[in-house]
Amino acid sequence: IRARYGAEAALRLARQIVLSPHRQGGQAQFIE
């Protein structure tokens, strides 16, 4: 969504579904 329709649209969607707005792809799978 972010890549095709922009960061602001992705941020609004993340807020609506109560999800972290941006986790970078290279971030580790294990998050404590």
Full PDB file with SEQRES, HELIX, SHEET, SSBOND, CRYST1, ORIGX, SCALE, CONECT and MASTER records, all heavy atoms in Angstrom:
SEQRES   1 A   32  ILE ARG ALA ARG TYR GLY ALA GLU ALA ALA LEU ARG LEU          
SEQRES   2 A   32  ALA ARG GLN ILE VAL LEU SER PRO HIS ARG GLN GLY GLY          
SEQRES   3 A   32  GLN ALA GLN PHE ILE GLU                                      
HELIX    1 AA1 ARG A    2  TYR A    5  1                                   4    
HELIX    2 AA2 ALA A    7  GLN A   16  1                                  10    
CRYST1    1.000    1.000    1.000  90.00  90.00  90.00 P 1           1          
ORIGX1      1.000000  0.000000  0.000000        0.00000                         
ORIGX2      0.000000  1.000000  0.000000        0.00000                         
ORIGX3      0.000000  0.000000  1.000000        0.00000                         
SCALE1      1.000000  0.000000  0.000000        0.00000                         
SCALE2      0.000000  1.000000  0.000000        0.00000                         
SCALE3      0.000000  0.000000  1.000000        0.00000                         
ATOM      1  N   ILE A   1       0.842  -1.201   0.000  1.00  0.00           N  
ATOM      2  CA  ILE A   1       0.000   0.000   0.000  1.00  0.00           C  
ATOM      3  C   ILE A   1       0.876   1.250   0.000  1.00  0.00           C  
ATOM      4  O   ILE A   1       0.650   2.201  -0.757  1.00  0.00           O  
ATOM      5  CB  ILE A   1      -0.927   0.009   1.223  1.00  0.00           C  
ATOM      6  CG1 ILE A   1      -2.002  -1.083   1.107  1.00  0.00           C  
ATOM      7  CG2 ILE A   1      -1.573   1.378   1.410  1.00  0.00           C  
ATOM      8  CD1 ILE A   1      -3.038  -0.832   0.040  1.00  0.00           C  
ATOM      9  N   ARG A   2       1.892   1.265   0.847  1.00  0.00           N  
ATOM     10  CA  ARG A   2       2.768   2.432   0.974  1.00  0.00           C  
ATOM     11  C   ARG A   2       3.512   2.692  -0.339  1.00  0.00           C  
ATOM     12  O   ARG A   2       3.620   3.833  -0.792  1.00  0.00           O  
ATOM     13  CB  ARG A   2       3.765   2.211   2.108  1.00  0.00           C  
ATOM     14  CG  ARG A   2       4.648   3.410   2.423  1.00  0.00           C  
ATOM     15  CD  ARG A   2       5.612   3.092   3.554  1.00  0.00           C  
ATOM     16  NE  ARG A   2       4.905   2.576   4.717  1.00  0.00           N  
ATOM     17  CZ  ARG A   2       4.914   1.308   5.100  1.00  0.00           C  
ATOM     18  NH1 ARG A   2       5.610   0.411   4.422  1.00  0.00           N  
ATOM     19  NH2 ARG A   2       4.237   0.911   6.160  1.00  0.00           N  
ATOM     20  N   ALA A   3       4.017   1.627  -0.948  1.00  0.00           N  
ATOM     21  CA  ALA A   3       4.804   1.778  -2.174  1.00  0.00           C  
ATOM     22  C   ALA A   3       3.956   2.261  -3.341  1.00  0.00           C  
ATOM     23  O   ALA A   3       4.424   3.020  -4.182  1.00  0.00           O  
ATOM     24  CB  ALA A   3       5.474   0.446  -2.523  1.00  0.00           C  
ATOM     25  N   ARG A   4       2.683   1.838  -3.388  1.00  0.00           N  
ATOM     26  CA  ARG A   4       1.838   2.176  -4.535  1.00  0.00           C  
ATOM     27  C   ARG A   4       0.962   3.406  -4.312  1.00  0.00           C  
ATOM     28  O   ARG A   4       0.627   4.100  -5.282  1.00  0.00           O  
ATOM     29  CB  ARG A   4       0.949   0.979  -4.888  1.00  0.00           C  
ATOM     30  CG  ARG A   4       1.738  -0.225  -5.393  1.00  0.00           C  
ATOM     31  CD  ARG A   4       0.905  -1.115  -6.268  1.00  0.00           C  
ATOM     32  NE  ARG A   4       1.774  -1.984  -7.059  1.00  0.00           N  
ATOM     33  CZ  ARG A   4       1.400  -2.626  -8.158  1.00  0.00           C  
ATOM     34  NH1 ARG A   4       0.164  -2.480  -8.610  1.00  0.00           N  
ATOM     35  NH2 ARG A   4       2.240  -3.393  -8.827  1.00  0.00           N  
ATOM     36  N   TYR A   5       0.591   3.656  -3.055  1.00  0.00           N  
ATOM     37  CA  TYR A   5      -0.398   4.707  -2.810  1.00  0.00           C  
ATOM     38  C   TYR A   5       0.046   5.734  -1.768  1.00  0.00           C  
ATOM     39  O   TYR A   5      -0.716   6.628  -1.438  1.00  0.00           O  
ATOM     40  CB  TYR A   5      -1.738   4.076  -2.404  1.00  0.00           C  
ATOM     41  CG  TYR A   5      -2.207   3.089  -3.437  1.00  0.00           C  
ATOM     42  CD1 TYR A   5      -2.103   1.710  -3.201  1.00  0.00           C  
ATOM     43  CD2 TYR A   5      -2.686   3.518  -4.668  1.00  0.00           C  
ATOM     44  CE1 TYR A   5      -2.504   0.799  -4.170  1.00  0.00           C  
ATOM     45  CE2 TYR A   5      -3.083   2.613  -5.637  1.00  0.00           C  
ATOM     46  CZ  TYR A   5      -2.992   1.252  -5.390  1.00  0.00           C  
ATOM     47  OH  TYR A   5      -3.367   0.355  -6.358  1.00  0.00           O  
ATOM     48  N   GLY A   6       1.278   5.616  -1.267  1.00  0.00           N  
ATOM     49  CA  GLY A   6       1.827   6.652  -0.419  1.00  0.00           C  
ATOM     50  C   GLY A   6       1.828   6.340   1.064  1.00  0.00           C  
ATOM     51  O   GLY A   6       1.050   5.525   1.556  1.00  0.00           O  
ATOM     52  N   ALA A   7       2.730   7.012   1.782  1.00  0.00           N  
ATOM     53  CA  ALA A   7       2.911   6.772   3.215  1.00  0.00           C  
ATOM     54  C   ALA A   7       1.707   7.225   4.025  1.00  0.00           C  
ATOM     55  O   ALA A   7       1.341   6.593   5.022  1.00  0.00           O  
ATOM     56  CB  ALA A   7       4.170   7.488   3.702  1.00  0.00           C  
ATOM     57  N   GLU A   8       1.075   8.329   3.618  1.00  0.00           N  
ATOM     58  CA  GLU A   8      -0.039   8.851   4.395  1.00  0.00           C  
ATOM     59  C   GLU A   8      -1.234   7.902   4.336  1.00  0.00           C  
ATOM     60  O   GLU A   8      -1.895   7.644   5.352  1.00  0.00           O  
ATOM     61  CB  GLU A   8      -0.446  10.237   3.889  1.00  0.00           C  
ATOM     62  CG  GLU A   8      -1.483  10.934   4.755  1.00  0.00           C  
ATOM     63  CD  GLU A   8      -0.997  11.178   6.184  1.00  0.00           C  
ATOM     64  OE1 GLU A   8       0.211  11.417   6.380  1.00  0.00           O  
ATOM     65  OE2 GLU A   8      -1.846  11.114   7.096  1.00  0.00           O  
ATOM     66  N   ALA A   9      -1.526   7.359   3.162  1.00  0.00           N  
ATOM     67  CA  ALA A   9      -2.622   6.397   3.042  1.00  0.00           C  
ATOM     68  C   ALA A   9      -2.332   5.136   3.852  1.00  0.00           C  
ATOM     69  O   ALA A   9      -3.214   4.595   4.526  1.00  0.00           O  
ATOM     70  CB  ALA A   9      -2.845   6.034   1.572  1.00  0.00           C  
ATOM     71  N   ALA A  10      -1.080   4.670   3.812  1.00  0.00           N  
ATOM     72  CA  ALA A  10      -0.694   3.493   4.595  1.00  0.00           C  
ATOM     73  C   ALA A  10      -0.813   3.767   6.084  1.00  0.00           C  
ATOM     74  O   ALA A  10      -1.246   2.903   6.856  1.00  0.00           O  
ATOM     75  CB  ALA A  10       0.730   3.069   4.245  1.00  0.00           C  
ATOM     76  N   LEU A  11      -0.446   4.985   6.503  1.00  0.00           N  
ATOM     77  CA  LEU A  11      -0.544   5.347   7.912  1.00  0.00           C  
ATOM     78  C   LEU A  11      -1.994   5.370   8.365  1.00  0.00           C  
ATOM     79  O   LEU A  11      -2.332   4.858   9.439  1.00  0.00           O  
ATOM     80  CB  LEU A  11       0.107   6.710   8.143  1.00  0.00           C  
ATOM     81  CG  LEU A  11       0.063   7.274   9.566  1.00  0.00           C  
ATOM     82  CD1 LEU A  11       0.780   6.346  10.531  1.00  0.00           C  
ATOM     83  CD2 LEU A  11       0.681   8.661   9.607  1.00  0.00           C  
ATOM     84  N   ARG A  12      -2.883   5.952   7.549  1.00  0.00           N  
ATOM     85  CA  ARG A  12      -4.299   5.991   7.912  1.00  0.00           C  
ATOM     86  C   ARG A  12      -4.891   4.587   7.991  1.00  0.00           C  
ATOM     87  O   ARG A  12      -5.682   4.278   8.882  1.00  0.00           O  
ATOM     88  CB  ARG A  12      -5.072   6.842   6.900  1.00  0.00           C  
ATOM     89  CG  ARG A  12      -4.798   8.336   7.006  1.00  0.00           C  
ATOM     90  CD  ARG A  12      -5.807   9.139   6.203  1.00  0.00           C  
ATOM     91  NE  ARG A  12      -5.615   8.966   4.771  1.00  0.00           N  
ATOM     92  CZ  ARG A  12      -4.928   9.792   3.994  1.00  0.00           C  
ATOM     93  NH1 ARG A  12      -4.341  10.862   4.518  1.00  0.00           N  
ATOM     94  NH2 ARG A  12      -4.823   9.576   2.693  1.00  0.00           N  
ATOM     95  N   LEU A  13      -4.499   3.723   7.067  1.00  0.00           N  
ATOM     96  CA  LEU A  13      -4.982   2.344   7.089  1.00  0.00           C  
ATOM     97  C   LEU A  13      -4.475   1.624   8.329  1.00  0.00           C  
ATOM     98  O   LEU A  13      -5.230   0.897   8.987  1.00  0.00           O  
ATOM     99  CB  LEU A  13      -4.526   1.610   5.825  1.00  0.00           C  
ATOM    100  CG  LEU A  13      -4.850   0.112   5.749  1.00  0.00           C  
ATOM    101  CD1 LEU A  13      -6.339  -0.129   5.929  1.00  0.00           C  
ATOM    102  CD2 LEU A  13      -4.359  -0.465   4.430  1.00  0.00           C  
ATOM    103  N   ALA A  14      -3.190   1.802   8.650  1.00  0.00           N  
ATOM    104  CA  ALA A  14      -2.614   1.158   9.835  1.00  0.00           C  
ATOM    105  C   ALA A  14      -3.351   1.589  11.098  1.00  0.00           C  
ATOM    106  O   ALA A  14      -3.625   0.771  11.984  1.00  0.00           O  
ATOM    107  CB  ALA A  14      -1.132   1.484   9.951  1.00  0.00           C  
ATOM    108  N   ARG A  15      -3.681   2.865  11.180  1.00  0.00           N  
ATOM    109  CA  ARG A  15      -4.415   3.348  12.345  1.00  0.00           C  
ATOM    110  C   ARG A  15      -5.792   2.707  12.427  1.00  0.00           C  
ATOM    111  O   ARG A  15      -6.266   2.353  13.499  1.00  0.00           O  
ATOM    112  CB  ARG A  15      -4.553   4.866  12.271  1.00  0.00           C  
ATOM    113  CG  ARG A  15      -3.269   5.627  12.615  1.00  0.00           C  
ATOM    114  CD  ARG A  15      -3.433   7.109  12.350  1.00  0.00           C  
ATOM    115  NE  ARG A  15      -2.245   7.860  12.745  1.00  0.00           N  
ATOM    116  CZ  ARG A  15      -1.999   9.100  12.350  1.00  0.00           C  
ATOM    117  NH1 ARG A  15      -2.856   9.720  11.533  1.00  0.00           N  
ATOM    118  NH2 ARG A  15      -0.907   9.717  12.749  1.00  0.00           N  
ATOM    119  N   GLN A  16      -6.447   2.562  11.279  1.00  0.00           N  
ATOM    120  CA  GLN A  16      -7.801   2.003  11.282  1.00  0.00           C  
ATOM    121  C   GLN A  16      -7.815   0.539  11.723  1.00  0.00           C  
ATOM    122  O   GLN A  16      -8.719   0.111  12.438  1.00  0.00           O  
ATOM    123  CB  GLN A  16      -8.433   2.135   9.900  1.00  0.00           C  
ATOM    124  CG  GLN A  16      -9.906   1.730   9.887  1.00  0.00           C  
ATOM    125  CD  GLN A  16     -10.549   1.989   8.556  1.00  0.00           C  
ATOM    126  OE1 GLN A  16     -10.451   1.183   7.644  1.00  0.00           O  
ATOM    127  NE2 GLN A  16     -11.217   3.136   8.423  1.00  0.00           N  
ATOM    128  N   ILE A  17      -6.821  -0.223  11.302  1.00  0.00           N  
ATOM    129  CA  ILE A  17      -6.794  -1.635  11.686  1.00  0.00           C  
ATOM    130  C   ILE A  17      -5.918  -1.880  12.915  1.00  0.00           C  
ATOM    131  O   ILE A  17      -5.664  -3.026  13.281  1.00  0.00           O  
ATOM    132  CB  ILE A  17      -6.332  -2.528  10.513  1.00  0.00           C  
ATOM    133  CG1 ILE A  17      -4.896  -2.201  10.088  1.00  0.00           C  
ATOM    134  CG2 ILE A  17      -7.279  -2.392   9.332  1.00  0.00           C  
ATOM    135  CD1 ILE A  17      -4.374  -3.078   8.949  1.00  0.00           C  
ATOM    136  N   VAL A  18      -5.467  -0.788  13.540  1.00  0.00           N  
ATOM    137  CA  VAL A  18      -4.690  -0.830  14.788  1.00  0.00           C  
ATOM    138  C   VAL A  18      -3.442  -1.692  14.610  1.00  0.00           C  
ATOM    139  O   VAL A  18      -3.256  -2.715  15.269  1.00  0.00           O  
ATOM    140  CB  VAL A  18      -5.543  -1.335  15.979  1.00  0.00           C  
ATOM    141  CG1 VAL A  18      -4.840  -1.025  17.298  1.00  0.00           C  
ATOM    142  CG2 VAL A  18      -6.926  -0.728  15.969  1.00  0.00           C  
ATOM    143  N   LEU A  19      -2.602  -1.242  13.685  1.00  0.00           N  
ATOM    144  CA  LEU A  19      -1.360  -1.936  13.385  1.00  0.00           C  
ATOM    145  C   LEU A  19      -0.229  -0.934  13.377  1.00  0.00           C  
ATOM    146  O   LEU A  19      -0.425   0.235  13.047  1.00  0.00           O  
ATOM    147  CB  LEU A  19      -1.454  -2.618  12.014  1.00  0.00           C  
ATOM    148  CG  LEU A  19      -0.298  -3.538  11.600  1.00  0.00           C  
ATOM    149  CD1 LEU A  19      -0.296  -4.797  12.451  1.00  0.00           C  
ATOM    150  CD2 LEU A  19      -0.424  -3.907  10.128  1.00  0.00           C  
ATOM    151  N   SER A  20       0.963  -1.390  13.748  1.00  0.00           N  
ATOM    152  CA  SER A  20       2.135  -0.525  13.673  1.00  0.00           C  
ATOM    153  C   SER A  20       2.245   0.027  12.263  1.00  0.00           C  
ATOM    154  O   SER A  20       2.225  -0.732  11.284  1.00  0.00           O  
ATOM    155  CB  SER A  20       3.397  -1.326  14.020  1.00  0.00           C  
ATOM    156  OG  SER A  20       4.546  -0.548  13.822  1.00  0.00           O  
ATOM    157  N   PRO A  21       2.371   1.353  12.104  1.00  0.00           N  
ATOM    158  CA  PRO A  21       2.303   1.943  10.783  1.00  0.00           C  
ATOM    159  C   PRO A  21       3.439   1.582   9.847  1.00  0.00           C  
ATOM    160  O   PRO A  21       3.283   1.621   8.647  1.00  0.00           O  
ATOM    161  CB  PRO A  21       2.292   3.454  11.066  1.00  0.00           C  
ATOM    162  CG  PRO A  21       2.871   3.598  12.421  1.00  0.00           C  
ATOM    163  CD  PRO A  21       2.482   2.365  13.175  1.00  0.00           C  
ATOM    164  N   HIS A  22       4.620   1.240  10.370  1.00  0.00           N  
ATOM    165  CA  HIS A  22       5.712   0.922   9.464  1.00  0.00           C  
ATOM    166  C   HIS A  22       6.783   0.110  10.162  1.00  0.00           C  
ATOM    167  O   HIS A  22       7.446   0.606  11.056  1.00  0.00           O  
ATOM    168  CB  HIS A  22       6.336   2.203   8.896  1.00  0.00           C  
ATOM    169  CG  HIS A  22       7.351   1.915   7.821  1.00  0.00           C  
ATOM    170  ND1 HIS A  22       8.283   2.837   7.407  1.00  0.00           N  
ATOM    171  CD2 HIS A  22       7.587   0.810   7.086  1.00  0.00           C  
ATOM    172  CE1 HIS A  22       9.037   2.313   6.454  1.00  0.00           C  
ATOM    173  NE2 HIS A  22       8.628   1.084   6.246  1.00  0.00           N  
ATOM    174  N   ARG A  23       6.921  -1.140   9.754  1.00  0.00           N  
ATOM    175  CA  ARG A  23       8.072  -1.928  10.174  1.00  0.00           C  
ATOM    176  C   ARG A  23       8.900  -2.177   8.924  1.00  0.00           C  
ATOM    177  O   ARG A  23       8.422  -2.747   7.953  1.00  0.00           O  
ATOM    178  CB  ARG A  23       7.631  -3.251  10.811  1.00  0.00           C  
ATOM    179  CG  ARG A  23       6.989  -3.071  12.174  1.00  0.00           C  
ATOM    180  CD  ARG A  23       7.133  -4.320  13.021  1.00  0.00           C  
ATOM    181  NE  ARG A  23       6.356  -5.437  12.513  1.00  0.00           N  
ATOM    182  CZ  ARG A  23       6.481  -6.690  12.971  1.00  0.00           C  
ATOM    183  NH1 ARG A  23       7.378  -6.959  13.921  1.00  0.00           N  
ATOM    184  NH2 ARG A  23       5.735  -7.660  12.481  1.00  0.00           N  
ATOM    185  N   GLN A  24      10.143  -1.705   8.951  1.00  0.00           N  
ATOM    186  CA  GLN A  24      11.020  -1.813   7.803  1.00  0.00           C  
ATOM    187  C   GLN A  24      11.230  -3.276   7.433  1.00  0.00           C  
ATOM    188  O   GLN A  24      11.322  -4.150   8.296  1.00  0.00           O  
ATOM    189  CB  GLN A  24      12.363  -1.154   8.115  1.00  0.00           C  
ATOM    190  CG  GLN A  24      13.278  -0.992   6.922  1.00  0.00           C  
ATOM    191  CD  GLN A  24      12.819   0.080   5.968  1.00  0.00           C  
ATOM    192  OE1 GLN A  24      12.015   0.925   6.326  1.00  0.00           O  
ATOM    193  NE2 GLN A  24      13.310   0.041   4.750  1.00  0.00           N  
ATOM    194  N   GLY A  25      11.297  -3.561   6.129  1.00  0.00           N  
ATOM    195  CA  GLY A  25      11.421  -4.938   5.682  1.00  0.00           C  
ATOM    196  C   GLY A  25      12.636  -5.656   6.221  1.00  0.00           C  
ATOM    197  O   GLY A  25      12.594  -6.848   6.500  1.00  0.00           O  
ATOM    198  N   GLY A  26      13.760  -4.933   6.389  1.00  0.00           N  
ATOM    199  CA  GLY A  26      14.980  -5.551   6.867  1.00  0.00           C  
ATOM    200  C   GLY A  26      15.010  -5.788   8.357  1.00  0.00           C  
ATOM    201  O   GLY A  26      15.969  -6.337   8.892  1.00  0.00           O  
ATOM    202  N   GLN A  27      13.944  -5.399   9.034  1.00  0.00           N  
ATOM    203  CA  GLN A  27      13.879  -5.578  10.491  1.00  0.00           C  
ATOM    204  C   GLN A  27      13.809  -7.060  10.837  1.00  0.00           C  
ATOM    205  O   GLN A  27      13.274  -7.871  10.086  1.00  0.00           O  
ATOM    206  CB  GLN A  27      12.620  -4.856  11.000  1.00  0.00           C  
ATOM    207  CG  GLN A  27      12.510  -4.734  12.494  1.00  0.00           C  
ATOM    208  CD  GLN A  27      11.415  -3.732  12.848  1.00  0.00           C  
ATOM    209  OE1 GLN A  27      11.382  -2.645  12.327  1.00  0.00           O  
ATOM    210  NE2 GLN A  27      10.541  -4.132  13.734  1.00  0.00           N  
ATOM    211  N   ALA A  28      14.344  -7.431  11.991  1.00  0.00           N  
ATOM    212  CA  ALA A  28      14.385  -8.835  12.382  1.00  0.00           C  
ATOM    213  C   ALA A  28      12.996  -9.386  12.655  1.00  0.00           C  
ATOM    214  O   ALA A  28      12.094  -8.680  13.089  1.00  0.00           O  
ATOM    215  CB  ALA A  28      15.250  -9.004  13.636  1.00  0.00           C  
ATOM    216  N   GLN A  29      12.814 -10.690  12.391  1.00  0.00           N  
ATOM    217  CA  GLN A  29      11.532 -11.328  12.670  1.00  0.00           C  
ATOM    218  C   GLN A  29      11.291 -11.453  14.173  1.00  0.00           C  
ATOM    219  O   GLN A  29      10.149 -11.440  14.626  1.00  0.00           O  
ATOM    220  CB  GLN A  29      11.474 -12.720  12.038  1.00  0.00           C  
ATOM    221  CG  GLN A  29      11.446 -12.708  10.521  1.00  0.00           C  
ATOM    222  CD  GLN A  29      11.161 -14.067   9.950  1.00  0.00           C  
ATOM    223  OE1 GLN A  29      10.394 -14.848  10.506  1.00  0.00           O  
ATOM    224  NE2 GLN A  29      11.778 -14.381   8.813  1.00  0.00           N  
ATOM    225  N   PHE A  30      12.351 -11.609  14.947  1.00  0.00           N  
ATOM    226  CA  PHE A  30      12.198 -11.777  16.386  1.00  0.00           C  
ATOM    227  C   PHE A  30      12.155 -10.413  17.049  1.00  0.00           C  
ATOM    228  O   PHE A  30      13.139  -9.689  17.047  1.00  0.00           O  
ATOM    229  CB  PHE A  30      13.365 -12.580  16.965  1.00  0.00           C  
ATOM    230  CG  PHE A  30      13.485 -13.949  16.381  1.00  0.00           C  
ATOM    231  CD1 PHE A  30      14.380 -14.188  15.347  1.00  0.00           C  
ATOM    232  CD2 PHE A  30      12.720 -14.989  16.847  1.00  0.00           C  
ATOM    233  CE1 PHE A  30      14.503 -15.452  14.803  1.00  0.00           C  
ATOM    234  CE2 PHE A  30      12.842 -16.254  16.301  1.00  0.00           C  
ATOM    235  CZ  PHE A  30      13.731 -16.489  15.280  1.00  0.00           C  
ATOM    236  N   ILE A  31      11.025 -10.039  17.612  1.00  0.00           N  
ATOM    237  CA  ILE A  31      10.879  -8.736  18.260  1.00  0.00           C  
ATOM    238  C   ILE A  31      10.343  -8.947  19.669  1.00  0.00           C  
ATOM    239  O   ILE A  31       9.222  -9.402  19.868  1.00  0.00           O  
ATOM    240  CB  ILE A  31       9.946  -7.821  17.467  1.00  0.00           C  
ATOM    241  CG1 ILE A  31      10.552  -7.569  16.077  1.00  0.00           C  
ATOM    242  CG2 ILE A  31       9.718  -6.513  18.183  1.00  0.00           C  
ATOM    243  CD1 ILE A  31       9.710  -6.727  15.186  1.00  0.00           C  
ATOM    244  N   GLU A  32      11.184  -8.664  20.640  1.00  0.00           N  
ATOM    245  CA  GLU A  32      10.816  -8.873  22.035  1.00  0.00           C  
ATOM    246  C   GLU A  32      10.356  -7.557  22.633  1.00  0.00           C  
ATOM    247  O   GLU A  32      11.050  -6.549  22.566  1.00  0.00           O  
ATOM    248  CB  GLU A  32      12.046  -9.392  22.800  1.00  0.00           C  
ATOM    249  CG  GLU A  32      11.781  -9.643  24.279  1.00  0.00           C  
ATOM    250  CD  GLU A  32      13.036 -10.148  24.966  1.00  0.00           C  
ATOM    251  OE1 GLU A  32      13.818 -10.848  24.306  1.00  0.00           O  
ATOM    252  OE2 GLU A  32      13.224  -9.842  26.136  1.00  0.00           O  
TER     253      GLU A  32                                                      
MASTER        0    0    0    2    0    0    0    6  252    1    0    3          
END                                                                             
